[in-house]
């Protein structure tokens, strides 16, 4: 079976730190795969917020996640913090890719926990229709 391989960009324009909650822990006593997706969602919301947007108010349109890929590398445990970096790229007429680098700090080094990518599509929720990426948003995200 072919494994997902996500090539992360060299430069990330946004970083946030998210604490690991007890609700994130699964029966294996580490962060579950569903919680990693939730952490990515939180990081995306923080990234959009610092640009002045939300998923429903994205420069005059909305956003919808078309796909997601996650490459798991290391475990996270209760009480740790995950450092999530976000970058946008691969813009098309109606969408773009968001890349996520999830890391944790060990005593002497930074460890990659996961690499992820979400395909985001601009969407008019009122008309139920895919729309073009707003130029304003593209300019802000390419910085």
Protein backbone atom coordinates (compact mmCIF):
# COMPACT_ATOMS: atom_id res chain seq x y z
CA UNK A 1 0.00 0.00 0.00
CA UNK A 2 1.36 3.41 -0.95
CA UNK A 3 1.81 5.77 1.99
CA UNK A 4 0.93 9.46 1.98
CA UNK A 5 4.03 11.64 1.65
CA UNK A 6 3.56 15.35 2.26
CA UNK A 7 6.29 17.68 1.07
CA UNK A 8 6.24 20.63 3.43
CA UNK A 9 7.23 24.10 2.20
CA UNK A 10 10.45 25.69 3.40
CA UNK A 11 8.78 28.86 4.72
CA UNK A 12 5.73 29.12 7.00
CA UNK A 13 4.02 32.47 7.55
CA UNK A 14 2.20 31.62 10.79
CA UNK A 15 2.91 29.66 13.97
CA UNK A 16 0.80 28.97 17.05
CA UNK A 17 1.09 26.75 20.10
CA UNK A 18 -1.77 24.48 21.14
CA UNK A 19 -1.83 22.59 24.46
CA UNK A 20 -2.75 18.92 24.44
CA UNK A 21 -5.92 18.29 26.47
CA UNK A 22 -6.99 15.11 28.19
CA UNK A 23 -9.85 14.88 25.66
CA UNK A 24 -7.21 14.55 22.89
CA UNK A 25 -5.85 11.30 24.36
CA UNK A 26 -6.99 7.93 23.00
CA UNK A 27 -6.85 4.38 24.38
CA UNK A 28 -3.18 4.14 23.32
CA UNK A 29 -2.45 6.92 25.86
CA UNK A 30 -1.37 9.37 23.16
CA UNK A 31 -3.11 11.95 20.94
CA UNK A 32 -5.56 10.23 18.59
CA UNK A 33 -5.66 10.76 14.84
CA UNK A 34 -9.05 12.46 15.13
CA UNK A 35 -7.56 14.94 17.60
CA UNK A 36 -4.71 15.73 15.19
CA UNK A 37 -7.37 16.74 12.65
CA UNK A 38 -9.03 18.94 15.31
CA UNK A 39 -5.67 20.53 16.14
CA UNK A 40 -5.15 21.29 12.44
CA UNK A 41 -8.62 22.87 12.34
CA UNK A 42 -7.80 25.05 15.37
CA UNK A 43 -4.51 26.14 13.78
CA UNK A 44 -6.34 27.00 10.54
CA UNK A 45 -8.85 29.13 12.47
CA UNK A 46 -6.03 30.96 14.27
CA UNK A 47 -4.20 31.47 10.95
CA UNK A 48 -7.31 32.90 9.29
CA UNK A 49 -8.04 35.07 12.34
CA UNK A 50 -4.63 36.74 12.17
CA UNK A 51 -5.41 37.57 8.53
CA UNK A 52 -8.77 39.06 9.57
CA UNK A 53 -10.89 36.17 8.27
CA UNK A 54 -12.93 33.15 9.34
CA UNK A 55 -13.99 30.17 7.26
CA UNK A 56 -17.40 31.78 6.74
CA UNK A 57 -16.12 35.32 6.18
CA UNK A 58 -13.21 34.96 3.81
CA UNK A 59 -12.96 38.28 1.93
CA UNK A 60 -16.58 38.11 0.78
CA UNK A 61 -16.94 34.34 0.44
CA UNK A 62 -16.56 31.20 2.53
CA UNK A 63 -14.19 28.27 2.68
CA UNK A 64 -14.81 24.56 2.61
CA UNK A 65 -12.24 21.81 3.13
CA UNK A 66 -12.17 19.57 0.05
CA UNK A 67 -9.58 17.08 1.25
CA UNK A 68 -7.02 16.38 3.94
CA UNK A 69 -3.85 14.35 4.23
CA UNK A 70 -1.92 13.68 7.43
CA UNK A 71 1.44 11.98 7.74
CA UNK A 72 1.97 10.87 11.35
CA UNK A 73 5.57 10.91 12.59
CA UNK A 74 5.69 10.91 16.42
CA UNK A 75 3.40 10.71 19.41
CA UNK A 76 2.01 13.58 21.48
CA UNK A 77 1.02 13.13 25.10
CA UNK A 78 -1.21 14.84 27.63
CA UNK A 79 0.38 18.02 29.00
CA UNK A 80 2.63 18.60 25.99
CA UNK A 81 2.23 21.50 23.61
CA UNK A 82 2.21 21.20 19.85
CA UNK A 83 3.74 23.97 17.75
CA UNK A 84 1.76 24.27 14.52
CA UNK A 85 3.09 26.23 11.56
CA UNK A 86 0.81 27.06 8.61
CA UNK A 87 1.55 28.10 5.01
CA UNK A 88 -0.66 28.62 1.96
CA UNK A 89 0.38 27.72 -1.59
CA UNK A 90 -0.70 26.06 -4.83
CA UNK A 91 -3.41 28.60 -5.59
CA UNK A 92 -5.89 27.79 -8.35
CA UNK A 93 -8.86 29.77 -9.58
CA UNK A 94 -11.15 28.44 -6.83
CA UNK A 95 -8.86 27.09 -4.12
CA UNK A 96 -5.48 26.60 -2.53
CA UNK A 97 -3.52 24.25 -0.28
CA UNK A 98 -2.78 24.86 3.39
CA UNK A 99 0.24 23.03 4.78
CA UNK A 100 0.74 22.30 8.47
CA UNK A 101 3.93 21.36 10.30
CA UNK A 102 3.20 19.98 13.79
CA UNK A 103 6.18 19.82 16.14
CA UNK A 104 6.95 19.45 19.81
CA UNK A 105 9.93 20.61 21.78
CA UNK A 106 11.88 17.94 23.61
CA UNK A 107 14.56 18.92 26.08
CA UNK A 108 17.28 19.19 23.49
CA UNK A 109 15.55 19.27 20.09
CA UNK A 110 12.41 19.97 18.08
CA UNK A 111 10.62 16.81 16.91
CA UNK A 112 8.28 16.57 13.92
CA UNK A 113 4.97 15.11 15.10
CA UNK A 114 2.99 15.29 11.83
CA UNK A 115 2.85 16.90 8.42
CA UNK A 116 -0.54 17.73 6.97
CA UNK A 117 -2.22 19.35 4.01
CA UNK A 118 -5.78 20.54 3.49
CA UNK A 119 -7.26 21.44 0.13
CA UNK A 120 -9.40 24.53 0.64
CA UNK A 121 -12.06 25.66 -1.85
CA UNK A 122 -13.83 29.02 -1.86
CA UNK A 123 -17.54 28.47 -1.50
CA UNK A 124 -20.64 30.65 -1.50
CA UNK A 125 -22.79 29.02 1.19
CA UNK A 126 -25.90 31.01 0.20
CA UNK A 127 -25.76 29.98 -3.46
CA UNK A 128 -24.23 26.54 -2.72
CA UNK A 129 -21.62 27.19 -5.38
CA UNK A 130 -17.82 27.14 -5.73
CA UNK A 131 -16.42 30.64 -6.38
CA UNK A 132 -13.08 32.24 -7.19
CA UNK A 133 -10.40 32.89 -4.58
CA UNK A 134 -10.69 36.58 -3.63
CA UNK A 135 -7.63 38.53 -4.80
CA UNK A 136 -7.44 40.31 -1.41
CA UNK A 137 -7.14 37.02 0.45
CA UNK A 138 -4.63 35.57 -2.01
CA UNK A 139 -2.36 38.60 -1.61
CA UNK A 140 -2.49 38.36 2.20
CA UNK A 141 -1.79 34.63 2.23
CA UNK A 142 1.10 34.75 -0.23
CA UNK A 143 3.10 37.00 2.11
